[in-house]
Amino acid sequence: MSKKELEYEGYKGTVEYDEKCDFYTGEVEIDGKIYTYEGDTLEELQEDFEDIIDSIIAFDEMDDEEV
């Protein structure tokens, strides 16, 4: 397994590659919660990572508007 790191909108997430399964996974911790993402390629992994961050940012913005 090799490791790297992803970064998006100030968040940093892990990159793990399983050679046996030819598959990427990763985790990012936001506000004490662990979110996981995955992909068949690094590009898919990056897209899934960014989708999670975008969703969390959008949810936080919606939550702030309701207060």
N, C-alpha and C. Protein backbone atom coordinates (compact mmCIF):
# COMPACT_ATOMS: atom_id res chain seq x y z
N MET A 1 0.84 -1.20 0.00
CA MET A 1 0.00 0.00 0.00
C MET A 1 0.87 1.25 0.00
N SER A 2 0.51 2.19 -0.85
CA SER A 2 1.22 3.46 -0.86
C SER A 2 0.28 4.54 -0.32
N LYS A 3 0.86 5.59 0.26
CA LYS A 3 0.04 6.66 0.84
C LYS A 3 0.44 8.01 0.25
N LYS A 4 -0.55 8.85 0.09
CA LYS A 4 -0.36 10.23 -0.32
C LYS A 4 -1.38 11.06 0.44
N GLU A 5 -1.62 12.28 -0.03
CA GLU A 5 -2.59 13.14 0.63
C GLU A 5 -3.33 13.97 -0.40
N LEU A 6 -4.62 14.20 -0.15
CA LEU A 6 -5.43 15.08 -1.00
C LEU A 6 -5.71 16.36 -0.22
N GLU A 7 -5.91 17.45 -0.95
CA GLU A 7 -6.26 18.71 -0.31
C GLU A 7 -7.29 19.44 -1.17
N TYR A 8 -8.30 19.99 -0.49
CA TYR A 8 -9.37 20.72 -1.19
C TYR A 8 -10.07 21.63 -0.19
N GLU A 9 -10.24 22.90 -0.55
CA GLU A 9 -10.94 23.87 0.29
C GLU A 9 -10.38 23.91 1.72
N GLY A 10 -9.09 23.68 1.87
CA GLY A 10 -8.46 23.73 3.19
C GLY A 10 -8.52 22.43 3.98
N TYR A 11 -9.17 21.42 3.45
CA TYR A 11 -9.26 20.12 4.11
C TYR A 11 -8.21 19.18 3.52
N LYS A 12 -7.66 18.34 4.36
CA LYS A 12 -6.67 17.36 3.90
C LYS A 12 -7.19 15.96 4.20
N GLY A 13 -7.05 15.09 3.21
CA GLY A 13 -7.50 13.72 3.37
C GLY A 13 -6.40 12.74 2.96
N THR A 14 -6.53 11.54 3.44
CA THR A 14 -5.53 10.51 3.15
C THR A 14 -5.80 9.86 1.79
N VAL A 15 -4.79 9.21 1.28
CA VAL A 15 -4.90 8.41 0.07
C VAL A 15 -4.24 7.07 0.36
N GLU A 16 -4.99 6.02 0.19
CA GLU A 16 -4.43 4.68 0.33
C GLU A 16 -4.75 3.89 -0.93
N TYR A 17 -3.73 3.21 -1.43
CA TYR A 17 -3.90 2.40 -2.63
C TYR A 17 -3.65 0.95 -2.28
N ASP A 18 -4.60 0.11 -2.59
CA ASP A 18 -4.46 -1.32 -2.35
C ASP A 18 -4.09 -1.98 -3.68
N GLU A 19 -2.82 -2.36 -3.80
CA GLU A 19 -2.34 -2.95 -5.05
C GLU A 19 -3.05 -4.27 -5.37
N LYS A 20 -3.35 -5.01 -4.35
CA LYS A 20 -4.01 -6.30 -4.53
C LYS A 20 -5.39 -6.13 -5.17
N CYS A 21 -6.12 -5.12 -4.71
CA CYS A 21 -7.47 -4.87 -5.22
C CYS A 21 -7.50 -3.81 -6.32
N ASP A 22 -6.36 -3.13 -6.55
CA ASP A 22 -6.27 -2.06 -7.54
C ASP A 22 -7.38 -1.03 -7.29
N PHE A 23 -7.39 -0.47 -6.07
CA PHE A 23 -8.49 0.39 -5.63
C PHE A 23 -7.95 1.42 -4.64
N TYR A 24 -8.46 2.64 -4.73
CA TYR A 24 -8.05 3.72 -3.83
C TYR A 24 -9.14 4.01 -2.80
N THR A 25 -8.72 4.33 -1.58
CA THR A 25 -9.63 4.76 -0.53
C THR A 25 -8.96 5.90 0.24
N GLY A 26 -9.74 6.60 1.02
CA GLY A 26 -9.18 7.66 1.84
C GLY A 26 -10.16 8.09 2.92
N GLU A 27 -9.64 8.91 3.84
CA GLU A 27 -10.45 9.43 4.93
C GLU A 27 -10.11 10.89 5.17
N VAL A 28 -11.12 11.64 5.58
CA VAL A 28 -10.92 13.02 6.00
C VAL A 28 -11.71 13.21 7.29
N GLU A 29 -11.12 13.92 8.26
CA GLU A 29 -11.81 14.19 9.51
C GLU A 29 -12.27 15.64 9.50
N ILE A 30 -13.57 15.82 9.73
CA ILE A 30 -14.16 17.15 9.77
C ILE A 30 -15.05 17.24 11.00
N ASP A 31 -14.74 18.20 11.85
CA ASP A 31 -15.51 18.41 13.09
C ASP A 31 -15.65 17.14 13.90
N GLY A 32 -14.58 16.36 13.98
CA GLY A 32 -14.58 15.15 14.80
C GLY A 32 -15.22 13.94 14.15
N LYS A 33 -15.70 14.08 12.93
CA LYS A 33 -16.31 12.95 12.22
C LYS A 33 -15.39 12.51 11.09
N ILE A 34 -15.32 11.20 10.87
CA ILE A 34 -14.50 10.64 9.79
C ILE A 34 -15.39 10.35 8.59
N TYR A 35 -14.99 10.87 7.45
CA TYR A 35 -15.69 10.61 6.19
C TYR A 35 -14.75 9.83 5.29
N THR A 36 -15.29 8.82 4.61
CA THR A 36 -14.46 8.02 3.71
C THR A 36 -14.89 8.26 2.26
N TYR A 37 -13.95 8.05 1.37
CA TYR A 37 -14.20 8.20 -0.06
C TYR A 37 -13.39 7.14 -0.78
N GLU A 38 -13.74 6.89 -2.05
CA GLU A 38 -13.09 5.79 -2.78
C GLU A 38 -13.12 6.05 -4.28
N GLY A 39 -12.31 5.28 -4.99
CA GLY A 39 -12.29 5.39 -6.44
C GLY A 39 -11.40 4.35 -7.07
N ASP A 40 -11.68 4.04 -8.33
CA ASP A 40 -10.86 3.10 -9.08
C ASP A 40 -9.56 3.75 -9.55
N THR A 41 -9.58 5.09 -9.68
CA THR A 41 -8.40 5.83 -10.11
C THR A 41 -8.18 6.99 -9.14
N LEU A 42 -7.01 7.63 -9.22
CA LEU A 42 -6.76 8.80 -8.39
C LEU A 42 -7.73 9.93 -8.73
N GLU A 43 -8.07 10.04 -10.01
CA GLU A 43 -9.02 11.07 -10.43
C GLU A 43 -10.39 10.84 -9.79
N GLU A 44 -10.86 9.60 -9.78
CA GLU A 44 -12.15 9.28 -9.15
C GLU A 44 -12.08 9.52 -7.64
N LEU A 45 -10.95 9.18 -7.04
CA LEU A 45 -10.78 9.41 -5.61
C LEU A 45 -10.86 10.89 -5.30
N GLN A 46 -10.17 11.72 -6.09
CA GLN A 46 -10.18 13.16 -5.90
C GLN A 46 -11.60 13.70 -6.07
N GLU A 47 -12.32 13.23 -7.07
CA GLU A 47 -13.70 13.68 -7.30
C GLU A 47 -14.60 13.33 -6.12
N ASP A 48 -14.48 12.11 -5.59
CA ASP A 48 -15.31 11.69 -4.46
C ASP A 48 -14.96 12.51 -3.22
N PHE A 49 -13.67 12.77 -3.02
CA PHE A 49 -13.20 13.60 -1.90
C PHE A 49 -13.81 15.00 -2.00
N GLU A 50 -13.72 15.61 -3.18
CA GLU A 50 -14.26 16.95 -3.37
C GLU A 50 -15.78 16.98 -3.21
N ASP A 51 -16.47 15.95 -3.68
CA ASP A 51 -17.92 15.87 -3.51
C ASP A 51 -18.31 15.86 -2.04
N ILE A 52 -17.57 15.11 -1.25
CA ILE A 52 -17.85 15.05 0.20
C ILE A 52 -17.65 16.42 0.83
N ILE A 53 -16.54 17.07 0.52
CA ILE A 53 -16.26 18.40 1.08
C ILE A 53 -17.34 19.39 0.65
N ASP A 54 -17.68 19.39 -0.64
CA ASP A 54 -18.72 20.30 -1.14
C ASP A 54 -20.05 20.06 -0.44
N SER A 55 -20.40 18.81 -0.21
CA SER A 55 -21.66 18.47 0.46
C SER A 55 -21.66 18.97 1.90
N ILE A 56 -20.55 18.81 2.58
CA ILE A 56 -20.46 19.25 3.98
C ILE A 56 -20.54 20.77 4.05
N ILE A 57 -19.85 21.46 3.14
CA ILE A 57 -19.89 22.93 3.11
C ILE A 57 -21.32 23.40 2.83
N ALA A 58 -21.98 22.79 1.85
CA ALA A 58 -23.36 23.17 1.51
C ALA A 58 -24.30 22.91 2.69
N PHE A 59 -24.12 21.78 3.36
CA PHE A 59 -24.97 21.45 4.51
C PHE A 59 -24.76 22.46 5.63
N ASP A 60 -23.50 22.82 5.90
CA ASP A 60 -23.19 23.80 6.94
C ASP A 60 -23.81 25.15 6.61
N GLU A 61 -23.76 25.55 5.34
CA GLU A 61 -24.34 26.82 4.93
C GLU A 61 -25.87 26.81 5.10
N MET A 62 -26.49 25.68 4.75
CA MET A 62 -27.95 25.56 4.94
C MET A 62 -28.29 25.62 6.42
N ASP A 63 -27.50 24.96 7.23
CA ASP A 63 -27.72 24.91 8.67
C ASP A 63 -27.59 26.32 9.27
N ASP A 64 -26.61 27.08 8.80
CA ASP A 64 -26.40 28.44 9.29
C ASP A 64 -27.57 29.35 8.92
N GLU A 65 -28.16 29.16 7.73
CA GLU A 65 -29.25 29.98 7.28
C GLU A 65 -30.52 29.75 8.10
N GLU A 66 -30.67 28.56 8.66
CA GLU A 66 -31.88 28.21 9.41
C GLU A 66 -31.84 28.77 10.82
N VAL A 67 -30.69 29.18 11.28
CA VAL A 67 -30.56 29.67 12.67
C VAL A 67 -31.06 31.07 12.79
